[in-house]
C-alpha atoms as a PDB file:
ATOM      1  CA  MET A   1      -6.344 104.997  93.063  1.00  0.00           C
ATOM      2  CA  ILE A   2      -8.620 107.716  91.672  1.00  0.00           C
ATOM      3  CA  SER A   3     -12.264 106.644  91.596  1.00  0.00           C
ATOM      4  CA  VAL A   4     -14.227 107.522  88.456  1.00  0.00           C
ATOM      5  CA  ILE A   5     -17.833 107.458  87.278  1.00  0.00           C
ATOM      6  CA  ILE A   6     -18.504 107.573  83.536  1.00  0.00           C
ATOM      7  CA  SER A   7     -21.741 109.228  82.393  1.00  0.00           C
ATOM      8  CA  ASP A   8     -22.354 108.415  78.730  1.00  0.00           C
ATOM      9  CA  ASP A   9     -25.477 107.100  77.011  1.00  0.00           C
ATOM     10  CA  HIS A  10     -23.455 105.008  74.557  1.00  0.00           C
ATOM     11  CA  ARG A  11     -22.842 101.905  76.656  1.00  0.00           C
ATOM     12  CA  LEU A  12     -20.286 100.378  74.305  1.00  0.00           C
ATOM     13  CA  VAL A  13     -18.240 103.577  74.302  1.00  0.00           C
ATOM     14  CA  ALA A  14     -18.465 103.884  78.083  1.00  0.00           C
ATOM     15  CA  GLU A  15     -17.354 100.295  78.610  1.00  0.00           C
ATOM     16  CA  GLY A  16     -14.400 100.830  76.262  1.00  0.00           C
ATOM     17  CA  ILE A  17     -13.356 103.922  78.216  1.00  0.00           C
ATOM     18  CA  ALA A  18     -13.762 101.987  81.470  1.00  0.00           C
ATOM     19  CA  LYS A  19     -11.400  99.273  80.257  1.00  0.00           C
ATOM     20  CA  LEU A  20      -8.764 101.867  79.384  1.00  0.00           C
ATOM     21  CA  ILE A  21      -9.055 103.452  82.823  1.00  0.00           C
ATOM     22  CA  ASP A  22      -9.102 100.156  84.702  1.00  0.00           C
ATOM     23  CA  GLY A  23      -6.050  99.027  82.745  1.00  0.00           C
ATOM     24  CA  SER A  24      -4.018 101.898  84.166  1.00  0.00           C
ATOM     25  CA  ASN A  25      -2.368 102.136  87.569  1.00  0.00           C
ATOM     26  CA  ILE A  26      -3.886 105.581  88.140  1.00  0.00           C
ATOM     27  CA  ALA A  27      -7.656 105.184  88.366  1.00  0.00           C
ATOM     28  CA  HIS A  28     -10.543 102.738  88.399  1.00  0.00           C
ATOM     29  CA  VAL A  29     -14.188 103.009  87.322  1.00  0.00           C
ATOM     30  CA  VAL A  30     -16.739 102.495  90.092  1.00  0.00           C
ATOM     31  CA  ALA A  31     -19.866 102.910  87.953  1.00  0.00           C
ATOM     32  CA  ILE A  32     -21.288 103.780  84.534  1.00  0.00           C
ATOM     33  CA  ALA A  33     -24.400 105.939  84.141  1.00  0.00           C
ATOM     34  CA  GLU A  34     -26.456 106.152  80.957  1.00  0.00           C
ATOM     35  CA  ASN A  35     -28.453 109.282  81.797  1.00  0.00           C
ATOM     36  CA  LEU A  36     -28.291 112.314  84.081  1.00  0.00           C
ATOM     37  CA  SER A  37     -30.819 110.997  86.592  1.00  0.00           C
ATOM     38  CA  GLU A  38     -28.784 107.841  87.084  1.00  0.00           C
ATOM     39  CA  THR A  39     -25.643 109.970  87.287  1.00  0.00           C
ATOM     40  CA  GLY A  40     -27.071 111.930  90.196  1.00  0.00           C
ATOM     41  CA  ARG A  41     -28.001 108.761  92.086  1.00  0.00           C
ATOM     42  CA  LEU A  42     -24.611 107.149  91.530  1.00  0.00           C
ATOM     43  CA  LEU A  43     -22.693 110.266  92.566  1.00  0.00           C
ATOM     44  CA  ALA A  44     -24.538 110.318  95.884  1.00  0.00           C
ATOM     45  CA  ASP A  45     -23.922 106.608  96.419  1.00  0.00           C
ATOM     46  CA  LYS A  46     -20.354 106.176  95.134  1.00  0.00           C
ATOM     47  CA  ARG A  47     -18.879 109.674  95.720  1.00  0.00           C
ATOM     48  CA  PRO A  48     -16.144 109.344  93.070  1.00  0.00           C
ATOM     49  CA  ASP A  49     -13.107 111.578  92.810  1.00  0.00           C
ATOM     50  CA  VAL A  50     -13.903 112.420  89.179  1.00  0.00           C
ATOM     51  CA  LEU A  51     -17.030 112.359  87.008  1.00  0.00           C
ATOM     52  CA  LEU A  52     -16.519 111.941  83.257  1.00  0.00           C
ATOM     53  CA  LEU A  53     -19.608 113.534  81.713  1.00  0.00           C
ATOM     54  CA  ASP A  54     -20.762 113.629  78.087  1.00  0.00           C
ATOM     55  CA  VAL A  55     -22.556 116.673  76.672  1.00  0.00           C
ATOM     56  CA  ALA A  56     -25.473 115.115  74.805  1.00  0.00           C
ATOM     57  CA  MET A  57     -27.433 112.945  77.222  1.00  0.00           C
ATOM     58  CA  PRO A  58     -30.916 111.468  76.667  1.00  0.00           C
ATOM     59  CA  ASP A  59     -32.493 113.440  79.518  1.00  0.00           C
ATOM     60  CA  GLY A  60     -30.669 116.743  79.164  1.00  0.00           C
ATOM     61  CA  ASP A  61     -27.476 118.630  78.453  1.00  0.00           C
ATOM     62  CA  GLY A  62     -24.443 117.495  80.441  1.00  0.00           C
ATOM     63  CA  ILE A  63     -22.972 120.986  80.676  1.00  0.00           C
ATOM     64  CA  ASP A  64     -26.233 122.444  81.967  1.00  0.00           C
ATOM     65  CA  SER A  65     -26.350 119.708  84.621  1.00  0.00           C
ATOM     66  CA  ILE A  66     -22.967 120.545  86.188  1.00  0.00           C
ATOM     67  CA  LYS A  67     -24.352 123.105  88.641  1.00  0.00           C
ATOM     68  CA  HIS A  68     -27.206 120.845  89.732  1.00  0.00           C
ATOM     69  CA  LEU A  69     -24.930 117.831  90.187  1.00  0.00           C
ATOM     70  CA  ARG A  70     -22.400 119.867  92.147  1.00  0.00           C
ATOM     71  CA  ASP A  71     -25.081 121.483  94.312  1.00  0.00           C
ATOM     72  CA  ALA A  72     -26.121 117.973  95.324  1.00  0.00           C
ATOM     73  CA  ASN A  73     -22.499 116.808  95.611  1.00  0.00           C
ATOM     74  CA  PRO A  74     -20.340 119.769  96.758  1.00  0.00           C
ATOM     75  CA  GLY A  75     -16.778 119.737  95.504  1.00  0.00           C
ATOM     76  CA  GLN A  76     -17.446 117.106  92.842  1.00  0.00           C
ATOM     77  CA  LYS A  77     -14.800 117.290  90.115  1.00  0.00           C
ATOM     78  CA  VAL A  78     -16.246 117.085  86.602  1.00  0.00           C
ATOM     79  CA  ILE A  79     -14.509 116.487  83.278  1.00  0.00           C
ATOM     80  CA  ILE A  80     -16.530 116.927  80.099  1.00  0.00           C
ATOM     81  CA  LEU A  81     -15.621 113.993  77.845  1.00  0.00           C
ATOM     82  CA  THR A  82     -17.129 114.509  74.422  1.00  0.00           C
ATOM     83  CA  THR A  83     -16.767 114.600  70.649  1.00  0.00           C
ATOM     84  CA  TYR A  84     -17.788 118.274  70.489  1.00  0.00           C
ATOM     85  CA  ALA A  85     -14.722 120.116  69.198  1.00  0.00           C
ATOM     86  CA  GLU A  86     -16.428 123.514  69.149  1.00  0.00           C
ATOM     87  CA  PRO A  87     -14.697 126.469  70.863  1.00  0.00           C
ATOM     88  CA  ALA A  88     -18.084 127.824  71.967  1.00  0.00           C
ATOM     89  CA  VAL A  89     -18.971 124.518  73.651  1.00  0.00           C
ATOM     90  CA  ILE A  90     -15.570 124.305  75.347  1.00  0.00           C
ATOM     91  CA  ARG A  91     -15.955 127.835  76.696  1.00  0.00           C
ATOM     92  CA  ARG A  92     -19.505 127.120  77.865  1.00  0.00           C
ATOM     93  CA  ALA A  93     -18.334 124.007  79.719  1.00  0.00           C
ATOM     94  CA  LEU A  94     -15.520 125.832  81.492  1.00  0.00           C
ATOM     95  CA  ASP A  95     -17.760 128.816  82.255  1.00  0.00           C
ATOM     96  CA  SER A  96     -20.300 126.397  83.725  1.00  0.00           C
ATOM     97  CA  GLY A  97     -17.740 125.037  86.171  1.00  0.00           C
ATOM     98  CA  ALA A  98     -16.229 122.004  84.433  1.00  0.00           C
ATOM     99  CA  ASN A  99     -12.805 121.166  85.862  1.00  0.00           C
ATOM    100  CA  GLY A 100     -11.688 119.700  82.568  1.00  0.00           C
ATOM    101  CA  TYR A 101     -12.529 119.196  78.905  1.00  0.00           C
ATOM    102  CA  ILE A 102     -11.284 116.164  76.997  1.00  0.00           C
ATOM    103  CA  LEU A 103     -12.156 115.120  73.458  1.00  0.00           C
ATOM    104  CA  LYS A 104     -12.874 111.444  72.881  1.00  0.00           C
ATOM    105  CA  ASN A 105     -10.140 111.143  70.263  1.00  0.00           C
ATOM    106  CA  THR A 106      -7.500 112.109  72.844  1.00  0.00           C
ATOM    107  CA  GLY A 107      -4.648 109.635  73.332  1.00  0.00           C
ATOM    108  CA  ILE A 108      -4.676 107.402  76.418  1.00  0.00           C
ATOM    109  CA  GLU A 109      -1.635 109.028  78.047  1.00  0.00           C
ATOM    110  CA  GLU A 110      -3.089 112.532  77.776  1.00  0.00           C
ATOM    111  CA  PHE A 111      -6.496 111.222  78.838  1.00  0.00           C
ATOM    112  CA  MET A 112      -5.135 109.648  82.014  1.00  0.00           C
ATOM    113  CA  ALA A 113      -3.025 112.731  82.713  1.00  0.00           C
ATOM    114  CA  GLY A 114      -6.226 114.768  82.528  1.00  0.00           C
ATOM    115  CA  ILE A 115      -8.004 112.577  85.064  1.00  0.00           C
ATOM    116  CA  GLU A 116      -5.029 112.755  87.419  1.00  0.00           C
ATOM    117  CA  THR A 117      -4.665 116.536  87.018  1.00  0.00           C
ATOM    118  CA  VAL A 118      -8.327 117.209  87.802  1.00  0.00           C
ATOM    119  CA  ALA A 119      -8.391 114.718  90.685  1.00  0.00           C
ATOM    120  CA  TYR A 120      -5.607 116.683  92.339  1.00  0.00           C
ATOM    121  CA  GLY A 121      -7.417 119.987  92.056  1.00  0.00           C
ATOM    122  CA  LYS A 122      -6.162 121.555  88.838  1.00  0.00           C
ATOM    123  CA  GLN A 123      -7.959 122.372  85.594  1.00  0.00           C
ATOM    124  CA  PHE A 124      -7.200 120.335  82.473  1.00  0.00           C
ATOM    125  CA  VAL A 125      -8.048 121.010  78.823  1.00  0.00           C
ATOM    126  CA  CYS A 126      -6.729 118.510  76.293  1.00  0.00           C
ATOM    127  CA  GLU A 127      -4.253 119.832  73.745  1.00  0.00           C
ATOM    128  CA  GLU A 128      -6.635 119.770  70.779  1.00  0.00           C
ATOM    129  CA  ALA A 129      -9.339 121.636  72.695  1.00  0.00           C
ATOM    130  CA  ARG A 130      -6.778 124.129  74.018  1.00  0.00           C
ATOM    131  CA  LEU A 131      -5.563 124.861  70.483  1.00  0.00           C
ATOM    132  CA  LEU A 132      -9.155 125.302  69.331  1.00  0.00           C
ATOM    133  CA  LEU A 133      -9.655 127.909  72.039  1.00  0.00           C
ATOM    134  CA  ILE A 134      -6.453 129.723  71.105  1.00  0.00           C
ATOM    135  CA  GLY A 135      -7.371 129.685  67.429  1.00  0.00           C
ATOM    136  CA  SER A 136     -10.795 131.106  68.160  1.00  0.00           C
ATOM    137  CA  GLU A 137      -9.647 133.996  70.348  1.00  0.00           C
ATOM    138  CA  THR A 138     -10.112 136.447  67.511  1.00  0.00           C
ATOM    139  CA  ALA A 139     -13.265 134.763  66.224  1.00  0.00           C
ATOM    140  CA  PRO A 140     -16.671 136.133  67.241  1.00  0.00           C
ATOM    141  CA  SER A 141     -18.229 134.503  70.294  1.00  0.00           C
ATOM    142  CA  LEU A 142     -21.572 134.931  72.009  1.00  0.00           C
ATOM    143  CA  THR A 143     -21.833 137.103  75.100  1.00  0.00           C
ATOM    144  CA  ALA A 144     -23.687 135.966  78.224  1.00  0.00           C
ATOM    145  CA  ARG A 145     -26.653 138.179  77.294  1.00  0.00           C
ATOM    146  CA  GLU A 146     -26.720 136.806  73.737  1.00  0.00           C
ATOM    147  CA  ARG A 147     -26.718 133.223  75.073  1.00  0.00           C
ATOM    148  CA  GLU A 148     -29.540 134.147  77.441  1.00  0.00           C
ATOM    149  CA  ILE A 149     -31.637 135.520  74.581  1.00  0.00           C
ATOM    150  CA  LEU A 150     -30.740 132.591  72.340  1.00  0.00           C
ATOM    151  CA  ARG A 151     -31.842 130.138  75.033  1.00  0.00           C
ATOM    152  CA  LEU A 152     -35.248 131.840  75.200  1.00  0.00           C
ATOM    153  CA  ILE A 153     -35.545 131.826  71.397  1.00  0.00           C
ATOM    154  CA  VAL A 154     -34.850 128.088  71.289  1.00  0.00           C
ATOM    155  CA  LYS A 155     -37.563 127.568  73.928  1.00  0.00           C
ATOM    156  CA  GLY A 156     -40.047 129.173  71.528  1.00  0.00           C
ATOM    157  CA  ASN A 157     -40.365 132.676  72.957  1.00  0.00           C
ATOM    158  CA  THR A 158     -41.136 135.536  70.594  1.00  0.00           C
ATOM    159  CA  MET A 159     -38.956 138.648  70.614  1.00  0.00           C
ATOM    160  CA  LYS A 160     -41.780 140.521  72.342  1.00  0.00           C
ATOM    161  CA  GLN A 161     -41.946 137.879  75.092  1.00  0.00           C
ATOM    162  CA  ILE A 162     -38.163 137.939  75.475  1.00  0.00           C
ATOM    163  CA  ALA A 163     -38.166 141.725  75.774  1.00  0.00           C
ATOM    164  CA  HIS A 164     -40.770 141.480  78.530  1.00  0.00           C
ATOM    165  CA  LYS A 165     -38.996 138.682  80.438  1.00  0.00           C
ATOM    166  CA  LEU A 166     -35.606 140.398  80.347  1.00  0.00           C
ATOM    167  CA  ASN A 167     -36.954 143.915  80.776  1.00  0.00           C
ATOM    168  CA  LEU A 168     -35.430 145.022  77.481  1.00  0.00           C
ATOM    169  CA  GLY A 169     -36.777 147.047  74.608  1.00  0.00           C
ATOM    170  CA  PHE A 170     -38.118 145.186  71.579  1.00  0.00           C
ATOM    171  CA  GLU A 171     -35.574 146.885  69.314  1.00  0.00           C
ATOM    172  CA  THR A 172     -32.775 145.908  71.682  1.00  0.00           C
ATOM    173  CA  VAL A 173     -33.736 142.238  71.465  1.00  0.00           C
ATOM    174  CA  HIS A 174     -34.038 142.522  67.689  1.00  0.00           C
ATOM    175  CA  SER A 175     -30.536 144.025  67.566  1.00  0.00           C
ATOM    176  CA  TYR A 176     -29.142 141.157  69.661  1.00  0.00           C
ATOM    177  CA  THR A 177     -30.693 138.533  67.393  1.00  0.00           C
ATOM    178  CA  LYS A 178     -29.366 140.275  64.287  1.00  0.00           C
ATOM    179  CA  THR A 179     -25.873 140.357  65.771  1.00  0.00           C
ATOM    180  CA  MET A 180     -26.053 136.660  66.680  1.00  0.00           C
ATOM    181  CA  ARG A 181     -27.156 135.711  63.178  1.00  0.00           C
ATOM    182  CA  GLN A 182     -24.230 137.654  61.741  1.00  0.00           C
ATOM    183  CA  LYS A 183     -21.747 136.058  64.142  1.00  0.00           C
ATOM    184  CA  LEU A 184     -22.965 132.532  63.432  1.00  0.00           C
ATOM    185  CA  GLY A 185     -23.631 133.004  59.720  1.00  0.00           C
ATOM    186  CA  CYS A 186     -27.345 132.271  60.023  1.00  0.00           C
ATOM    187  CA  PRO A 187     -29.599 133.831  57.364  1.00  0.00           C
ATOM    188  CA  ASN A 188     -32.796 133.558  59.418  1.00  0.00           C
ATOM    189  CA  MET A 189     -34.201 132.700  62.841  1.00  0.00           C
ATOM    190  CA  SER A 190     -34.882 129.045  62.098  1.00  0.00           C
ATOM    191  CA  SER A 191     -31.261 128.630  61.042  1.00  0.00           C
ATOM    192  CA  LEU A 192     -30.158 130.349  64.263  1.00  0.00           C
ATOM    193  CA  VAL A 193     -32.222 127.940  66.364  1.00  0.00           C
ATOM    194  CA  ARG A 194     -30.924 124.910  64.460  1.00  0.00           C
ATOM    195  CA  THR A 195     -27.317 126.062  64.816  1.00  0.00           C
ATOM    196  CA  ALA A 196     -27.745 126.694  68.544  1.00  0.00           C
ATOM    197  CA  ILE A 197     -29.108 123.179  69.099  1.00  0.00           C
ATOM    198  CA  GLU A 198     -26.688 121.348  66.804  1.00  0.00           C
ATOM    199  CA  ARG A 199     -23.619 123.096  68.209  1.00  0.00           C
ATOM    200  CA  HIS A 200     -24.775 123.088  71.853  1.00  0.00           C
ATOM    201  CA  LEU A 201     -24.285 126.850  72.095  1.00  0.00           C
ATOM    202  CA  ILE A 202     -26.771 127.304  74.940  1.00  0.00           C
END
């Protein structure tokens, strides 16, 4: 049996997912965590085969936490289980080292197949998320440098401060921000920041 920890701050949702998993003959849930700190403690204690991790957690971003959690628990397999059906978020999760990406509206058979696939060392992206990625291949996406600049903008840095921190020219940073606003359809900087936060682009 594949051991699983669920990390989701919506307890009712997590318990529902746990019942689905425990009702299968493939896996069983050994613990539920409601925040990233608790997730870290439980991973060290339970050492599950697979961690099901939500994106929006009360004490941080699940995708951003993957590296930290895996540094503390080498080889830990992580599936992002979320409602975020955004190609940019899916790409960010996979780029950050997620072994899988499953949307919460995925059917039980595909869901369990995903857990089994990741547990045995392969990557899994649910069909809906995979189609979203295919459909967005020709759509504009943010580069690593653009995401880096956007992250600093969201943290409240001015363009001058960003230029200094990244050793770039002021005009270069301005050009990057203009390009990002065009890509994301944001008329101004406040809209860019809001979009980045709402769509978990950083």
